[in-house]
Protein backbone atom coordinates (compact mmCIF):
# COMPACT_ATOMS: atom_id res chain seq x y z
CA MET A 1 115.11 133.03 96.51
CA ALA A 2 116.79 129.67 96.77
CA LEU A 3 117.15 130.10 100.55
CA THR A 4 113.46 130.84 100.87
CA ARG A 5 112.53 127.76 98.84
CA LEU A 6 114.76 125.49 100.87
CA ALA A 7 113.34 126.91 104.08
CA VAL A 8 109.85 126.12 102.94
CA VAL A 9 110.83 122.66 102.00
CA ALA A 10 112.37 122.12 105.36
CA LEU A 11 109.37 123.36 107.21
CA LEU A 12 107.11 121.14 105.24
CA ALA A 13 109.27 118.14 105.95
CA THR A 14 109.48 118.88 109.65
CA ALA A 15 105.73 119.24 109.97
CA ALA A 16 104.81 116.11 108.04
CA CYS A 17 107.45 113.83 109.47
CA ALA A 18 106.60 114.81 113.06
CA THR A 19 103.72 112.30 113.15
CA PRO A 20 104.33 108.63 112.46
CA GLY A 21 102.60 107.53 109.32
CA LEU A 22 102.78 110.93 107.62
CA ARG A 23 105.28 111.81 104.99
CA GLY A 24 107.19 114.98 104.14
CA PRO A 25 108.30 115.94 100.57
CA ASP A 26 111.04 114.23 98.59
CA PRO A 27 113.93 116.30 97.32
CA ALA A 28 112.38 115.61 93.89
CA ASP A 29 109.47 117.91 94.89
CA ASP A 30 111.85 120.90 94.99
CA ALA A 31 111.25 121.71 91.33
CA THR A 32 107.45 121.71 91.71
CA LEU A 33 107.63 123.93 94.84
CA ALA A 34 110.04 126.32 93.09
CA ARG A 35 107.41 127.01 90.42
CA ARG A 36 104.81 128.26 92.93
CA SER A 37 104.51 131.77 94.28
CA ARG A 38 105.87 132.46 97.72
CA ALA A 39 102.35 133.28 98.99
CA ASP A 40 101.03 129.94 97.77
CA LEU A 41 103.98 128.10 99.37
CA ASP A 42 103.51 129.84 102.69
CA SER A 43 99.80 128.92 102.66
CA ALA A 44 100.63 125.37 101.65
CA ARG A 45 103.14 125.17 104.53
CA GLU A 46 100.59 126.46 107.05
CA LEU A 47 97.85 124.11 105.82
CA ASP A 48 100.29 121.17 105.96
CA GLN A 49 101.14 122.04 109.56
CA GLU A 50 97.37 122.36 110.42
CA GLY A 51 96.84 118.95 108.79
CA VAL A 52 99.57 117.34 110.91
CA ARG A 53 98.12 118.84 114.04
CA ALA A 54 94.60 117.67 113.15
CA PHE A 55 95.89 114.19 112.42
CA ARG A 56 97.71 114.03 115.81
CA GLU A 57 94.48 115.05 117.59
CA GLY A 58 92.45 112.37 115.76
CA ARG A 59 90.56 114.91 113.67
CA TYR A 60 91.09 112.99 110.43
CA ALA A 61 88.38 114.69 108.32
CA ASP A 62 89.87 118.09 109.18
CA ALA A 63 93.37 116.70 108.37
CA ILE A 64 92.17 115.54 104.96
CA ARG A 65 90.79 119.00 104.18
CA TYR A 66 94.03 120.69 105.18
CA PHE A 67 96.29 118.27 103.29
CA ARG A 68 94.08 118.52 100.14
CA SER A 69 94.09 122.36 100.27
CA SER A 70 97.90 122.30 100.70
CA TYR A 71 98.25 120.02 97.67
CA ARG A 72 96.03 122.32 95.56
CA LEU A 73 98.20 125.26 96.40
CA GLY A 74 101.29 123.47 95.25
CA GLY A 75 102.13 121.26 98.21
CA PRO A 76 104.07 118.09 97.31
CA ALA A 77 102.77 114.66 96.31
CA SER A 78 103.27 113.56 99.87
CA GLU A 79 100.11 115.38 100.84
CA LEU A 80 98.20 112.69 98.94
CA TRP A 81 100.03 110.04 100.96
CA ASN A 82 98.99 111.95 104.19
CA ILE A 83 95.40 111.95 102.91
CA ALA A 84 95.65 108.17 102.48
CA ARG A 85 96.91 107.79 106.07
CA SER A 86 94.00 109.89 107.35
CA ARG A 87 91.48 107.86 105.31
CA GLU A 88 92.82 104.64 106.83
CA ARG A 89 92.40 106.00 110.31
CA MET A 90 88.79 106.82 109.43
CA ASP A 91 88.25 103.16 108.34
CA ASP A 92 87.79 104.29 104.77
CA PRO A 93 90.09 101.82 102.80
CA GLU A 94 88.52 102.69 99.45
CA GLY A 95 89.27 106.35 99.96
CA ALA A 96 92.82 105.46 101.12
CA ALA A 97 93.42 103.33 98.02
CA GLN A 98 92.10 106.14 95.78
CA ALA A 99 94.47 108.66 97.42
CA ILE A 100 97.39 106.24 97.00
CA GLU A 101 96.57 105.80 93.26
CA GLN A 102 96.69 109.63 92.86
CA TYR A 103 100.02 109.60 94.68
CA LEU A 104 101.41 106.83 92.44
CA ALA A 105 100.38 108.90 89.37
CA HIS A 106 103.20 111.31 90.15
CA ARG A 107 106.17 110.29 88.02
CA ASP A 108 108.80 111.92 90.29
CA LEU A 109 108.36 109.61 93.28
CA SER A 110 111.51 107.93 94.59
CA ALA A 111 111.74 104.19 93.94
CA LEU A 112 111.51 103.57 97.65
CA ASP A 113 108.34 105.65 98.11
CA ARG A 114 106.72 104.12 95.00
CA ALA A 115 107.39 100.59 96.21
CA GLU A 116 105.97 101.39 99.66
CA ALA A 117 102.84 102.94 98.17
CA GLU A 118 102.33 99.95 95.87
CA ARG A 119 102.68 97.58 98.85
CA GLU A 120 100.16 99.61 100.81
CA ALA A 121 97.61 99.70 97.96
CA ALA A 122 97.96 95.94 97.51
CA ALA A 123 97.47 95.37 101.25
CA LEU A 124 94.35 97.52 101.24
CA ARG A 125 92.81 95.48 98.43
CA ALA A 126 93.84 92.10 100.03
CA ARG A 127 91.99 92.76 103.30
CA PRO A 128 89.62 89.89 104.12
CA SER A 129 85.98 90.69 104.84
CA MET A 130 83.69 89.35 107.50
CA LEU A 131 80.57 87.67 106.00
CA THR A 132 77.52 87.32 108.20
CA VAL A 133 74.56 85.33 107.10
CA THR A 134 71.25 85.33 108.92
CA THR A 135 68.11 83.48 107.94
CA THR A 136 64.44 83.38 108.96
CA PRO A 137 64.02 80.75 110.23
CA ALA A 138 67.54 80.21 111.60
CA GLY A 139 69.47 76.94 111.33
CA ALA A 140 70.34 76.97 107.64
CA VAL A 141 73.60 75.55 106.24
CA VAL A 142 75.68 77.96 104.11
CA THR A 143 78.05 76.89 101.28
CA LEU A 144 80.45 79.43 99.84
CA ASP A 145 81.79 78.96 96.28
CA GLY A 146 80.72 75.34 96.31
CA ARG A 147 83.51 74.45 98.73
CA GLN A 148 83.36 75.97 102.19
CA THR A 149 80.33 74.98 104.28
CA VAL A 150 79.47 76.77 107.48
CA GLY A 151 76.53 77.07 109.76
CA PRO A 152 73.96 76.72 111.10
CA THR A 153 72.81 80.29 110.71
CA PRO A 154 73.27 82.88 112.07
CA VAL A 155 76.92 82.51 111.17
CA SER A 156 79.98 84.76 110.44
CA VAL A 157 83.12 83.75 108.48
CA ALA A 158 86.10 85.55 107.03
CA ILE A 159 86.23 85.58 103.28
CA ALA A 160 88.86 86.68 100.69
CA PRO A 161 88.32 89.73 98.60
CA GLY A 162 86.57 89.25 95.30
CA ALA A 163 83.34 87.73 93.87
CA HIS A 164 81.70 84.86 95.70
CA THR A 165 78.60 82.67 95.36
CA LEU A 166 76.59 81.83 98.41
CA VAL A 167 74.12 78.96 98.66
CA VAL A 168 71.81 78.59 101.64
CA ARG A 169 69.97 75.35 102.43
CA ARG A 170 67.58 74.27 105.18
CA GLU A 171 65.43 71.18 105.17
CA GLY A 172 61.88 71.88 104.15
CA PHE A 173 62.81 75.25 102.54
CA ALA A 174 63.81 76.28 99.04
CA VAL A 175 67.52 76.61 98.26
CA GLN A 176 68.65 80.21 97.85
CA THR A 177 71.66 81.34 95.90
CA ARG A 178 73.19 84.80 96.14
CA PRO A 179 76.20 86.42 94.46
CA LEU A 180 78.26 88.74 96.61
CA GLU A 181 81.49 90.74 96.45
CA ALA A 182 83.98 91.42 99.20
CA ARG A 183 86.03 94.60 98.92
CA PHE A 184 88.61 96.37 101.08
CA GLY A 185 87.78 94.37 104.22
CA ARG A 186 84.27 95.72 104.37
CA ALA A 187 81.70 93.62 106.28
CA VAL A 188 79.22 91.78 104.08
CA ILE A 189 75.84 91.05 105.62
CA VAL A 190 73.29 88.73 103.95
CA SER A 191 69.82 88.45 105.55
CA LEU A 192 67.42 85.97 103.94
CA GLU A 193 63.82 85.03 104.57
CA LEU A 194 63.54 81.38 103.50
CA ALA A 195 60.54 80.25 101.52
CA ARG A 196 58.95 76.86 101.93
CA ALA A 197 60.26 74.12 99.55
CA GLY A 198 58.77 73.99 96.10
CA THR A 199 60.76 76.59 94.18
CA GLU A 200 64.47 77.49 94.19
CA THR A 201 65.03 81.18 94.56
CA ARG A 202 67.88 82.67 92.56
């Protein structure tokens, strides 16, 4: 039985490591794999291999389905890492971060793998976003967080993740103030119709 278990682990490792960015199981996963039935392990191995194939072919949604099914059948925690890699390729940083958090919830990760996953999660959250502001009429000046002034509109500028306050001014028109939040490098688009001066719109 031990030989069968080791063979399954080796096959999973070979399949997952064949593509850059994907990860095979740690030796620490052996105990988890050993508790599963041979049928489940065989299915998990096949699903993992299909996931790697789909990833290599750029079919990331399919890869996610295969990796998730493999994980549910007893595949190692590394399937969650592979899901995160697929999410990133699909330009879904939120989904990637969620998969990494699930991965980090496993207590048996090696120190090296845990550190890498923590760095990756931090990098996903630190991605700057591109803010685009358009106004009708154009030609307004934009102040961000009371410090950075850009314009005239339409204008685009990179902003750090987190909450921001946007103030838009144009001579003859009411000042407009808008809160916004930048997350995971997602584009933020603010489109405003300016009202004639007389009242400040908040």
